[in-house]
């Protein structure tokens, strides 16, 4: 097994010229106090985004019971956020480049805090989903903007790798530890999973006013109005069609028409971008092989994990009857591993390269999912659940920061917001697609939170196709990450013969 792992990661070893590295990659100077406080501020906001998603995931069964929502309706509590997030990420990142990163970041974070407060107070399901959509829209601006603030304030190479590793590890830690915080909050009331974010967001706004440096909007490129309109409309239509397909039916006229209209609008956007003087998005960025692979890896990693968490949350609470806090503590080791990896992530990337760690992370996730497929209705935690939890923690800790480093390597400063928006769009739209298919598979089994099969075994059978889908997505992502290097190794061996 050890030899297999070594061979697999060797296949992913990048050539020296495959990913551009700035001269500063071999040397770095100590960060100033201002850089540290800037990074802390941005890390708090990204961790808050991760916390918000996973906390609400833990609260889904409680929300469903109190508001009378089935599994399909509960999906919209998650997907409403993804809909807003995924539809405007590309625009959010580019607008930060063009209008000023500090201004966009602080305005969007203020909206996020207000929507969190409103979400904790409403009782109507439609209003609750609407607040999630608004928070997603706000996060579509804070996430890529925060990323581009880092990449424009830390020199490319070792210094930037370290900053990105700490930053993305905070995001992954927030997502993982949000399960525990969500369990604690849900034990009080599911409303606290919404209200918990409010004071943190307010503090983050105050920190941002103090420590985020002022920047000048770009002088050119701000006049692509039709590009902005068509991109936003096309992405909104695409993500909405994805997340509503389980309810409408994948073969329904509404779903097929939604995909067709979205494709036409996005095609119009592509046509506009090839003809305007200052395009919103330069498509040439996707010609860089490592950027394309990083985005596909992001789809596999986050798409599989979000769907896995959706299923496991329902499984542990609905099938096994665990309390939210018990479920959160069972998954805590993964969060601790991700959080504990922060001091080492950048060193690992410097030593082994981002590409190798992406492969190792996807491999660890794939094995963890495969092991969980053995699960039954009376599992032994140490033997049946813990091994998967530990492997998922390792996979996320290795893969998440490495994918983000790989996605922005060699990109010029004036397109860092674009690169950040692209990788996070892949993450969120990929998650929306996988979660939509997962929900369709679960829904076809006839189980809902307010009613369903009487036996635990029957309920588990409903969930198994969703678990299998998460596994398959991770394995496909692993193969995509490995394939180019596999081909290169094969060609080198042929050349030696």
Protein backbone atom coordinates (compact mmCIF):
# COMPACT_ATOMS: atom_id res chain seq x y z
CA UNK A 1 0.00 0.00 0.00
CA UNK A 2 2.83 2.41 0.88
CA UNK A 3 4.46 1.75 -2.49
CA UNK A 4 1.16 2.43 -4.24
CA UNK A 5 0.77 5.76 -2.45
CA UNK A 6 4.34 6.76 -3.32
CA UNK A 7 3.84 5.86 -6.96
CA UNK A 8 0.59 7.76 -7.15
CA UNK A 9 2.00 10.96 -5.69
CA UNK A 10 5.13 10.65 -7.85
CA UNK A 11 2.89 10.72 -10.89
CA UNK A 12 1.65 14.10 -9.72
CA UNK A 13 5.11 15.60 -9.23
CA UNK A 14 5.18 18.74 -11.33
CA UNK A 15 7.90 19.56 -13.77
CA UNK A 16 9.96 22.54 -12.77
CA UNK A 17 8.35 24.59 -15.50
CA UNK A 18 4.77 23.42 -15.10
CA UNK A 19 3.75 26.05 -12.54
CA UNK A 20 5.46 29.46 -12.62
CA UNK A 21 7.21 30.39 -9.41
CA UNK A 22 8.45 33.87 -8.66
CA UNK A 23 12.05 34.42 -7.60
CA UNK A 24 10.84 35.10 -4.06
CA UNK A 25 9.88 31.45 -3.76
CA UNK A 26 13.30 30.64 -2.33
CA UNK A 27 13.49 33.50 0.16
CA UNK A 28 11.08 35.40 2.35
CA UNK A 29 11.27 38.19 4.91
CA UNK A 30 9.39 38.27 8.24
CA UNK A 31 5.87 39.64 8.01
CA UNK A 32 5.11 43.01 9.49
CA UNK A 33 2.56 43.49 12.28
CA UNK A 34 0.19 44.96 9.70
CA UNK A 35 0.44 41.90 7.45
CA UNK A 36 -0.30 39.57 10.35
CA UNK A 37 -3.33 41.58 11.47
CA UNK A 38 -4.56 41.80 7.89
CA UNK A 39 -4.28 38.03 7.52
CA UNK A 40 -6.05 37.42 10.83
CA UNK A 41 -8.94 39.66 9.75
CA UNK A 42 -9.37 37.83 6.44
CA UNK A 43 -9.04 34.42 8.11
CA UNK A 44 -11.82 35.29 10.57
CA UNK A 45 -14.18 36.09 7.69
CA UNK A 46 -13.36 32.95 5.71
CA UNK A 47 -13.72 30.80 8.83
CA UNK A 48 -17.09 32.48 9.40
CA UNK A 49 -18.20 31.47 5.89
CA UNK A 50 -17.22 27.86 6.59
CA UNK A 51 -18.86 27.87 10.02
CA UNK A 52 -22.09 29.21 8.58
CA UNK A 53 -22.42 26.46 5.98
CA UNK A 54 -21.69 23.53 8.29
CA UNK A 55 -23.59 24.89 11.31
CA UNK A 56 -26.76 25.12 9.28
CA UNK A 57 -26.15 21.60 7.96
CA UNK A 58 -26.22 20.23 11.51
CA UNK A 59 -29.46 22.11 12.23
CA UNK A 60 -31.35 20.80 9.18
CA UNK A 61 -33.25 17.99 10.97
CA UNK A 62 -34.33 20.41 13.74
CA UNK A 63 -35.40 23.02 11.20
CA UNK A 64 -37.32 20.37 9.28
CA UNK A 65 -39.19 19.20 12.39
CA UNK A 66 -40.11 22.70 13.57
CA UNK A 67 -41.09 24.11 10.17
CA UNK A 68 -42.48 20.89 8.66
CA UNK A 69 -39.98 20.60 5.79
CA UNK A 70 -39.04 17.40 3.97
CA UNK A 71 -35.60 16.52 2.56
CA UNK A 72 -36.24 18.30 -0.75
CA UNK A 73 -37.25 21.51 1.01
CA UNK A 74 -34.33 21.27 3.44
CA UNK A 75 -31.98 21.13 0.49
CA UNK A 76 -32.98 24.71 -0.31
CA UNK A 77 -31.67 25.90 3.08
CA UNK A 78 -28.25 24.76 1.83
CA UNK A 79 -28.80 25.41 -1.86
CA UNK A 80 -30.24 28.90 -1.35
CA UNK A 81 -26.83 29.94 -0.06
CA UNK A 82 -25.07 28.09 -2.89
CA UNK A 83 -27.40 29.74 -5.43
CA UNK A 84 -26.40 33.25 -4.38
CA UNK A 85 -22.76 32.31 -3.85
CA UNK A 86 -22.19 30.39 -7.06
CA UNK A 87 -24.04 32.81 -9.33
CA UNK A 88 -21.99 35.92 -8.50
CA UNK A 89 -18.55 34.62 -7.51
CA UNK A 90 -16.96 35.39 -10.86
CA UNK A 91 -18.51 38.84 -10.89
CA UNK A 92 -17.57 39.41 -7.24
CA UNK A 93 -13.91 38.63 -7.81
CA UNK A 94 -13.65 40.80 -10.90
CA UNK A 95 -15.56 43.71 -9.38
CA UNK A 96 -13.07 43.70 -6.51
CA UNK A 97 -10.27 44.12 -9.05
CA UNK A 98 -12.08 46.94 -10.81
CA UNK A 99 -13.84 48.87 -8.02
CA UNK A 100 -11.49 48.40 -5.07
CA UNK A 101 -11.02 45.37 -2.84
CA UNK A 102 -11.41 47.07 0.53
CA UNK A 103 -14.66 48.79 -0.46
CA UNK A 104 -16.27 45.64 -1.88
CA UNK A 105 -15.15 43.45 1.02
CA UNK A 106 -16.50 45.66 3.81
CA UNK A 107 -19.81 46.42 2.08
CA UNK A 108 -20.50 42.73 1.40
CA UNK A 109 -19.54 41.71 4.95
CA UNK A 110 -22.01 44.25 6.36
CA UNK A 111 -24.80 42.73 4.24
CA UNK A 112 -23.76 39.25 5.44
CA UNK A 113 -24.15 40.33 9.10
CA UNK A 114 -27.59 41.84 8.48
CA UNK A 115 -28.85 38.74 6.63
CA UNK A 116 -27.57 36.49 9.46
CA UNK A 117 -29.56 38.49 12.00
CA UNK A 118 -32.73 38.37 9.91
CA UNK A 119 -32.37 34.62 9.30
CA UNK A 120 -32.30 33.93 13.03
CA UNK A 121 -35.53 35.84 13.58
CA UNK A 122 -37.87 34.68 10.80
CA UNK A 123 -40.17 31.64 10.92
CA UNK A 124 -41.48 31.54 7.36
CA UNK A 125 -39.51 28.94 5.30
CA UNK A 126 -39.48 31.17 2.20
CA UNK A 127 -38.03 34.10 4.13
CA UNK A 128 -35.48 31.81 5.74
CA UNK A 129 -34.33 30.59 2.33
CA UNK A 130 -34.28 34.20 1.08
CA UNK A 131 -31.90 35.23 3.86
CA UNK A 132 -29.65 32.31 2.93
CA UNK A 133 -29.68 33.51 -0.69
CA UNK A 134 -28.72 37.05 0.38
CA UNK A 135 -25.89 35.70 2.56
CA UNK A 136 -24.67 33.72 -0.43
CA UNK A 137 -24.67 36.87 -2.57
CA UNK A 138 -22.64 38.68 0.10
CA UNK A 139 -20.18 35.81 0.44
CA UNK A 140 -19.78 35.81 -3.36
CA UNK A 141 -18.04 39.16 -2.92
CA UNK A 142 -16.19 38.61 0.40
CA UNK A 143 -14.63 35.24 -0.49
CA UNK A 144 -12.84 36.06 -3.77
CA UNK A 145 -12.10 39.61 -2.57
CA UNK A 146 -10.46 38.35 0.60
CA UNK A 147 -8.42 35.90 -1.45
CA UNK A 148 -7.26 38.60 -3.86
CA UNK A 149 -6.39 40.94 -0.95
CA UNK A 150 -3.98 38.24 0.22
CA UNK A 151 -2.49 37.57 -3.20
CA UNK A 152 -1.89 41.28 -3.79
CA UNK A 153 -0.35 41.93 -0.36
CA UNK A 154 1.93 38.89 -0.10
CA UNK A 155 4.67 38.23 -2.69
CA UNK A 156 4.25 35.18 -4.90
CA UNK A 157 6.28 32.18 -3.82
CA UNK A 158 6.96 31.01 -0.27
CA UNK A 159 5.45 34.10 1.35
CA UNK A 160 2.18 33.84 -0.56
CA UNK A 161 2.03 30.05 -0.19
CA UNK A 162 2.30 30.46 3.56
CA UNK A 163 -0.43 33.12 3.66
CA UNK A 164 -2.78 31.14 1.40
CA UNK A 165 -2.17 27.95 3.39
CA UNK A 166 -3.05 29.66 6.68
CA UNK A 167 -6.03 31.41 5.08
CA UNK A 168 -7.55 28.36 3.41
CA UNK A 169 -6.85 26.18 6.45
CA UNK A 170 -8.89 28.63 8.52
CA UNK A 171 -11.71 28.24 5.98
CA UNK A 172 -11.54 24.46 6.08
CA UNK A 173 -11.25 24.53 9.88
CA UNK A 174 -14.31 26.74 10.13
CA UNK A 175 -16.23 24.34 7.91
CA UNK A 176 -15.13 21.29 9.94
CA UNK A 177 -15.41 22.80 13.43
CA UNK A 178 -18.75 24.32 12.46
CA UNK A 179 -20.19 20.85 12.96
CA UNK A 180 -19.33 21.05 16.66
CA UNK A 181 -20.44 24.67 17.04
CA UNK A 182 -23.62 23.80 15.13
CA UNK A 183 -24.29 20.93 17.53
CA UNK A 184 -23.90 23.22 20.53
CA UNK A 185 -26.07 25.93 18.98
CA UNK A 186 -28.76 23.48 17.84
CA UNK A 187 -28.95 22.10 21.39
CA UNK A 188 -30.13 25.60 22.37
CA UNK A 189 -32.19 26.30 19.24
CA UNK A 190 -31.59 26.00 15.52
CA UNK A 191 -31.97 29.80 15.38
CA UNK A 192 -28.63 30.21 17.12
CA UNK A 193 -26.91 28.63 14.13
CA UNK A 194 -27.92 31.80 12.26
CA UNK A 195 -27.47 34.35 15.06
CA UNK A 196 -24.02 33.04 16.03
CA UNK A 197 -22.49 34.69 12.94
CA UNK A 198 -23.77 38.20 13.70
CA UNK A 199 -21.32 39.41 16.39
CA UNK A 200 -18.36 37.78 14.61
CA UNK A 201 -19.25 39.53 11.35
CA UNK A 202 -19.61 42.89 13.13
CA UNK A 203 -16.19 42.48 14.77
CA UNK A 204 -14.71 41.51 11.40
CA UNK A 205 -16.08 44.71 9.81
CA UNK A 206 -14.40 46.78 12.54
CA UNK A 207 -11.12 44.90 12.08
CA UNK A 208 -11.36 45.36 8.32
CA UNK A 209 -11.82 49.12 8.64
CA UNK A 210 -8.61 49.23 10.66
CA UNK A 211 -6.31 46.74 8.95
CA UNK A 212 -7.31 46.25 5.30
CA UNK A 213 -5.17 48.68 3.27
CA UNK A 214 -6.87 51.14 0.98
CA UNK A 215 -6.47 50.36 -2.71
CA UNK A 216 -7.20 52.21 -5.90
CA UNK A 217 -9.80 50.89 -8.35
CA UNK A 218 -8.38 49.77 -11.68
CA UNK A 219 -8.19 52.54 -14.24
CA UNK A 220 -9.44 50.37 -17.10
CA UNK A 221 -11.82 47.48 -17.59
CA UNK A 222 -14.82 48.80 -15.71
CA UNK A 223 -17.15 49.35 -18.68
CA UNK A 224 -18.15 45.80 -19.60
CA UNK A 225 -21.75 46.31 -18.45
CA UNK A 226 -23.33 43.74 -20.77
CA UNK A 227 -20.68 41.21 -19.81
CA UNK A 228 -21.55 41.68 -16.15
CA UNK A 229 -25.29 41.37 -16.84
CA UNK A 230 -25.05 38.24 -18.99
CA UNK A 231 -22.56 36.53 -16.67
CA UNK A 232 -24.68 37.12 -13.57
CA UNK A 233 -27.91 36.10 -15.32
CA UNK A 234 -26.36 33.00 -16.87
CA UNK A 235 -24.75 31.78 -13.64
CA UNK A 236 -27.91 32.50 -11.64
CA UNK A 237 -30.00 30.52 -14.13
CA UNK A 238 -27.51 27.64 -14.22
CA UNK A 239 -27.20 27.25 -10.44
CA UNK A 240 -30.96 27.68 -9.94
CA UNK A 241 -31.65 24.97 -12.51
CA UNK A 242 -29.14 22.66 -10.82
CA UNK A 243 -30.54 23.02 -7.31
CA UNK A 244 -34.21 22.91 -8.40
CA UNK A 245 -33.82 19.92 -10.72
CA UNK A 246 -34.52 17.30 -8.01
CA UNK A 247 -37.96 18.83 -7.38
CA UNK A 248 -38.82 19.61 -11.01
CA UNK A 249 -37.34 16.38 -12.42
CA UNK A 250 -34.11 16.11 -14.39
CA UNK A 251 -35.99 15.32 -17.60
CA UNK A 252 -38.72 17.92 -17.14
CA UNK A 253 -39.29 20.75 -19.61
CA UNK A 254 -38.49 23.24 -16.84
CA UNK A 255 -35.07 21.71 -16.15
CA UNK A 256 -34.11 21.19 -19.79
CA UNK A 257 -35.35 24.67 -20.67
CA UNK A 258 -33.44 26.16 -17.75
CA UNK A 259 -30.19 24.57 -18.87
CA UNK A 260 -30.81 25.65 -22.48
CA UNK A 261 -31.58 29.28 -21.60
CA UNK A 262 -28.61 29.45 -19.20
CA UNK A 263 -26.33 28.05 -21.90
CA UNK A 264 -27.55 30.64 -24.41
CA UNK A 265 -27.02 33.51 -21.97
CA UNK A 266 -23.52 32.27 -21.08
CA UNK A 267 -22.75 31.85 -24.79
CA UNK A 268 -23.80 35.48 -25.27
CA UNK A 269 -21.45 36.43 -22.43
CA UNK A 270 -18.57 34.55 -24.11
CA UNK A 271 -19.32 36.33 -27.41
CA UNK A 272 -19.32 39.73 -25.68
CA UNK A 273 -16.02 39.01 -23.92
CA UNK A 274 -14.24 38.36 -27.22
CA UNK A 275 -15.34 41.72 -28.61
CA UNK A 276 -15.06 44.30 -25.83
CA UNK A 277 -11.89 46.26 -25.23
CA UNK A 278 -11.71 45.47 -21.50
CA UNK A 279 -13.40 42.08 -20.94
CA UNK A 280 -14.71 41.15 -17.52
CA UNK A 281 -12.98 37.76 -17.83
CA UNK A 282 -9.93 36.87 -19.88
CA UNK A 283 -10.59 33.31 -21.06
CA UNK A 284 -6.90 32.74 -21.71
CA UNK A 285 -6.47 32.12 -17.98
CA UNK A 286 -8.04 28.70 -18.48
CA UNK A 287 -5.39 27.71 -21.01
CA UNK A 288 -2.95 27.27 -18.15
CA UNK A 289 -3.11 23.54 -17.46
CA UNK A 290 -2.54 23.76 -13.71
CA UNK A 291 -5.36 26.32 -13.33
CA UNK A 292 -7.85 24.05 -15.11
CA UNK A 293 -6.81 21.02 -13.04
CA UNK A 294 -7.06 23.00 -9.80
CA UNK A 295 -10.64 24.00 -10.63
CA UNK A 296 -11.65 20.44 -11.47
CA UNK A 297 -10.05 19.25 -8.23
CA UNK A 298 -12.06 21.86 -6.31
CA UNK A 299 -15.29 20.50 -7.80
CA UNK A 300 -14.36 16.97 -6.71
CA UNK A 301 -13.20 17.88 -3.21
CA UNK A 302 -15.95 20.23 -2.07
CA UNK A 303 -18.75 18.72 -4.15
CA UNK A 304 -18.17 15.26 -2.68
CA UNK A 305 -17.65 16.50 0.87
CA UNK A 306 -20.68 18.79 1.08
CA UNK A 307 -22.95 16.03 -0.21
CA UNK A 308 -21.35 13.52 2.15
CA UNK A 309 -21.97 15.84 5.10
CA UNK A 310 -25.60 16.35 4.00
CA UNK A 311 -26.18 12.59 3.97
CA UNK A 312 -24.21 11.79 7.13
CA UNK A 313 -25.99 14.51 9.12
CA UNK A 314 -29.35 12.92 8.26
CA UNK A 315 -28.00 9.38 8.76
CA UNK A 316 -26.59 9.93 12.24
CA UNK A 317 -29.63 11.83 13.48
CA UNK A 318 -32.47 10.11 11.59
CA UNK A 319 -31.21 6.52 11.33
CA UNK A 320 -29.12 6.23 14.51
CA UNK A 321 -31.11 8.77 16.53
CA UNK A 322 -28.07 10.70 17.71
CA UNK A 323 -28.45 14.14 19.26
CA UNK A 324 -26.91 17.01 17.24
CA UNK A 325 -24.10 17.45 19.79
CA UNK A 326 -23.26 13.73 19.78
CA UNK A 327 -23.08 13.79 16.00
CA UNK A 328 -20.86 16.87 16.07
CA UNK A 329 -18.45 15.29 18.56
CA UNK A 330 -18.26 12.14 16.43
CA UNK A 331 -17.05 14.25 13.50
CA UNK A 332 -14.81 16.50 15.63
CA UNK A 333 -11.52 14.62 14.91
CA UNK A 334 -11.69 15.71 11.25
CA UNK A 335 -12.09 19.34 12.24
CA UNK A 336 -9.23 19.14 14.72
CA UNK A 337 -6.96 17.62 12.08
CA UNK A 338 -7.76 20.38 9.61
CA UNK A 339 -7.31 23.11 12.23
CA UNK A 340 -4.09 21.55 13.52
CA UNK A 341 -2.61 21.42 10.03
CA UNK A 342 -2.41 25.22 9.71
CA UNK A 343 1.22 25.59 10.89
CA UNK A 344 2.41 22.83 8.54
CA UNK A 345 0.41 23.27 5.33
CA UNK A 346 2.70 25.82 3.71
CA UNK A 347 5.80 23.79 4.60
CA UNK A 348 4.30 20.70 3.00
CA UNK A 349 3.44 22.65 -0.14
CA UNK A 350 6.98 24.07 -0.31
CA UNK A 351 8.52 20.63 0.14
CA UNK A 352 6.28 18.40 -1.97
CA UNK A 353 4.51 20.83 -4.31
CA UNK A 354 0.82 21.71 -4.48
CA UNK A 355 0.05 19.14 -7.19
CA UNK A 356 1.28 16.14 -5.19
CA UNK A 357 -0.70 17.25 -2.15
CA UNK A 358 -3.87 17.68 -4.21
CA UNK A 359 -3.53 14.07 -5.35
CA UNK A 360 -2.80 12.84 -1.82
CA UNK A 361 -5.81 14.76 -0.48
CA UNK A 362 -8.23 13.36 -3.07
CA UNK A 363 -6.84 9.87 -2.51
CA UNK A 364 -7.42 10.15 1.24
CA UNK A 365 -10.99 11.40 0.68
CA UNK A 366 -11.74 8.59 -1.76
CA UNK A 367 -10.54 5.90 0.65
CA UNK A 368 -12.51 7.51 3.49
CA UNK A 369 -15.73 7.47 1.46
CA UNK A 370 -15.13 3.88 0.36
CA UNK A 371 -14.72 2.75 3.97
CA UNK A 372 -17.93 4.53 4.99
CA UNK A 373 -19.91 2.58 2.39
CA UNK A 374 -19.66 -0.41 4.79
CA UNK A 375 -21.80 1.42 7.36
CA UNK A 376 -24.79 -0.32 8.87
CA UNK A 377 -27.63 0.47 11.27
CA UNK A 378 -25.60 -0.43 14.39
CA UNK A 379 -22.07 0.80 13.71
CA UNK A 380 -19.19 0.66 16.16
CA UNK A 381 -17.79 4.18 16.19
CA UNK A 382 -14.09 3.29 16.54
CA UNK A 383 -14.21 0.66 13.78
CA UNK A 384 -16.85 1.92 11.35
CA UNK A 385 -16.98 5.72 11.58
CA UNK A 386 -13.71 7.03 13.03
CA UNK A 387 -11.41 5.70 10.24
CA UNK A 388 -13.43 7.58 7.61
CA UNK A 389 -13.54 10.73 9.75
CA UNK A 390 -9.73 10.70 10.11
CA UNK A 391 -9.15 10.11 6.40
CA UNK A 392 -11.53 12.92 5.48
CA UNK A 393 -9.69 15.23 7.87
CA UNK A 394 -6.36 14.35 6.24
CA UNK A 395 -7.84 14.77 2.75
CA UNK A 396 -9.30 18.19 3.44
CA UNK A 397 -6.17 19.40 5.27
CA UNK A 398 -3.93 18.42 2.35
CA UNK A 399 -6.22 19.20 -0.56
CA UNK A 400 -7.97 22.46 0.24
CA UNK A 401 -4.98 24.82 0.65
CA UNK A 402 -3.02 23.07 -2.12
CA UNK A 403 -5.83 23.50 -4.65
CA UNK A 404 -6.04 27.22 -3.89
CA UNK A 405 -2.27 27.69 -4.19
CA UNK A 406 -2.25 25.81 -7.49
CA UNK A 407 -5.18 27.84 -8.87
CA UNK A 408 -3.52 31.25 -8.40
CA UNK A 409 0.13 30.42 -9.18
CA UNK A 410 1.65 32.53 -11.96
CA UNK A 411 -1.39 34.83 -12.28
CA UNK A 412 -0.71 38.57 -12.57
CA UNK A 413 -1.86 40.80 -9.69
CA UNK A 414 -4.55 42.54 -11.74
CA UNK A 415 -6.23 39.15 -12.36
CA UNK A 416 -5.89 37.63 -8.89
CA UNK A 417 -9.53 38.48 -8.13
CA UNK A 418 -10.51 36.73 -11.35
CA UNK A 419 -8.47 33.63 -10.47
CA UNK A 420 -9.88 33.61 -6.92
CA UNK A 421 -13.44 33.99 -8.24
CA UNK A 422 -12.87 31.19 -10.74
CA UNK A 423 -11.63 28.64 -8.18
CA UNK A 424 -14.40 29.48 -5.74
CA UNK A 425 -17.03 29.37 -8.47
CA UNK A 426 -15.82 25.88 -9.36
CA UNK A 427 -16.04 24.96 -5.69
CA UNK A 428 -19.58 26.25 -5.19
CA UNK A 429 -21.14 25.36 -8.54
CA UNK A 430 -19.56 21.91 -8.29
CA UNK A 431 -21.03 21.55 -4.82
CA UNK A 432 -24.45 22.66 -6.11
CA UNK A 433 -24.38 20.09 -8.90
CA UNK A 434 -23.29 17.17 -6.72
CA UNK A 435 -25.71 18.12 -3.93
CA UNK A 436 -28.58 18.44 -6.41
CA UNK A 437 -27.93 14.97 -7.81
CA UNK A 438 -27.50 13.58 -4.28
CA UNK A 439 -30.84 15.05 -3.20
CA UNK A 440 -32.50 13.59 -6.30
CA UNK A 441 -31.12 10.15 -5.42
CA UNK A 442 -32.28 10.42 -1.81
CA UNK A 443 -35.67 11.86 -2.80
CA UNK A 444 -36.30 9.00 -5.21
CA UNK A 445 -36.15 6.68 -2.21
CA UNK A 446 -39.14 8.38 -0.64
CA UNK A 447 -37.56 9.51 2.60
CA UNK A 448 -38.22 12.91 4.12
CA UNK A 449 -37.51 14.39 7.47
CA UNK A 450 -41.19 14.58 8.34
CA UNK A 451 -42.03 11.09 7.24
CA UNK A 452 -40.46 8.08 5.55
CA UNK A 453 -39.58 4.41 5.87
CA UNK A 454 -40.33 2.91 9.26
CA UNK A 455 -37.16 0.84 9.67
CA UNK A 456 -33.62 2.11 10.12
CA UNK A 457 -32.40 -0.36 7.47
CA UNK A 458 -34.83 1.02 4.89
CA UNK A 459 -33.82 4.59 5.72
CA UNK A 460 -30.15 3.68 5.29
CA UNK A 461 -30.89 2.09 1.92
CA UNK A 462 -32.35 5.44 0.84
CA UNK A 463 -29.10 7.21 1.76
CA UNK A 464 -26.64 4.72 0.22
CA UNK A 465 -26.86 6.02 -3.39
CA UNK A 466 -25.91 9.49 -2.13
CA UNK A 467 -22.88 8.06 -0.31
CA UNK A 468 -21.89 6.17 -3.45
CA UNK A 469 -22.14 9.36 -5.52
CA UNK A 470 -19.80 11.26 -3.16
CA UNK A 471 -17.32 8.41 -3.46
CA UNK A 472 -17.52 8.36 -7.25
CA UNK A 473 -17.04 12.13 -7.54
CA UNK A 474 -13.90 12.02 -5.38
CA UNK A 475 -12.46 9.12 -7.39
CA UNK A 476 -13.11 10.88 -10.70
CA UNK A 477 -11.39 13.99 -9.32
CA UNK A 478 -8.42 11.87 -8.28
CA UNK A 479 -8.14 10.36 -11.76
CA UNK A 480 -8.31 13.81 -13.38
CA UNK A 481 -5.52 15.06 -11.10
CA UNK A 482 -3.33 12.03 -11.78
CA UNK A 483 -3.98 11.52 -15.51
CA UNK A 484 -1.65 14.21 -16.96
CA UNK A 485 1.29 13.05 -14.86
CA UNK A 486 0.51 9.41 -15.59
CA UNK A 487 0.79 10.22 -19.29
CA UNK A 488 4.06 12.09 -18.79
CA UNK A 489 5.59 9.21 -16.81
CA UNK A 490 4.49 6.79 -19.51
CA UNK A 491 6.04 8.94 -22.25
CA UNK A 492 9.32 9.26 -20.32
CA UNK A 493 9.50 5.49 -19.89
CA UNK A 494 8.88 4.98 -23.60
CA UNK A 495 11.66 7.47 -24.41
CA UNK A 496 14.11 5.43 -22.33
CA UNK A 497 13.37 2.25 -24.25
